């Protein structure tokens, strides 16, 4: 994966970190033992440091994707769940490595990743971004994690124990409470509820509500007991308002948000994670990649409103994290979300969504998504200025000669 340096100085970089719409030229950063120790506008020196001259190129925090599925190697999620655990794990290694090589040094998994994968990345067994996970997402019968279809009468949990299953089904306050406690015991750092219908599942139109208000409120209570929070799969304005009123703190997708729902998100100090690229990818390639016809028919129900949702959320002052929600071969489109958002929002805001605001979504402010003393030394160097051209963050990391995660040089084409 690269060389681990105890002390590294990145000299003469132009910082773009989401704090300013302009680059900060002539900046120098000292890394020690995996953390950023010093950030200075004057040259730094250390007798034992390795110095890498950035030559005025852009220095950014490592990118953060707030909505991923690292075990989703197939677009057809029922097929994905049926694959052997060993196949899923091996494929996940490739997915994780590719994310890292695109400059994503932290990702949040919204259903499927387990503690074993997280620890394999943590101890260096496999290369990948830092993983924040919820374990399995949780759905009611017939909801967005129930892939049985109309005529399948098997138990809803017949695949729940498979690594490739992104979620599990549980109904009622008591069963849901037990499932949440089990996921938290297994390492979950937040709770994911399917509180709206979805595209990829067969029997839940997008406008359907998921879970009763009593179930949602209980899930919020259980999460807060573990000093965690609930993220809700949410599209429609009605479902967003209902979930946020019940205490849900992270609104995933928000494709059909309206101004009132956006104001509620902001007033309740909640956040949102739009995911435009998954719907664009599914529209172009979903059918040929095995997405069932019932799901293909639902894509435009949310896709057509993506740009509008960004405008509404932005006007309401909602904190928006960068998210992609990609599946199977579509993972390669991970960085294209930058370009889609840039069609609506200023480049500075788009970059902030994958740095400072993403860190806030993950509740890791000051540790990731920033270039400041005490933060993890997660850094990328970009040729050119992404504030002027967001496409420099695409093409699978082609424009990134240096990628650093926790002080480790993952990629170094500079010296």
Foldseek 3Di string as FASTA:
>chain_A
DFDFDQKEKEFFEFEQQLPDLGTRTGWMWIDHQQFTADIDSDDDDDPRYHYFYLPHFYKYFQFEAEEEALLFQALQLVVLLPDALVVSLVSSLVLFQLCVLLRHQEYEYQFQDFPVVQVCCVVVVGPGHRYAYQYAAEFAVLADQQAQDDPRPDDSCPRVPGSSRRHGHDDDQVRLLVVNVVSVVRPHQAHEYAQAHAQQHFRGARHDGTHDLVNLLSSQVSQVVVVYFYEYAHAAQVSLLSNVVSPHAEYEAPQHHDLVSLLSNVVSNHAYEHAQQQLVCCQVCVVVSPRDPSSNVRSCVRNVRRLVSLVSNVVSVHLYAYHHHHHRPSSLCRLVSLVVNVVRDQNSSSSCNRAQSNCVNVVNHPAGSGNDGPHRPFMWTFGDDCSVPVCSSHDSNPRTQFTAGSSGTPHHPRD
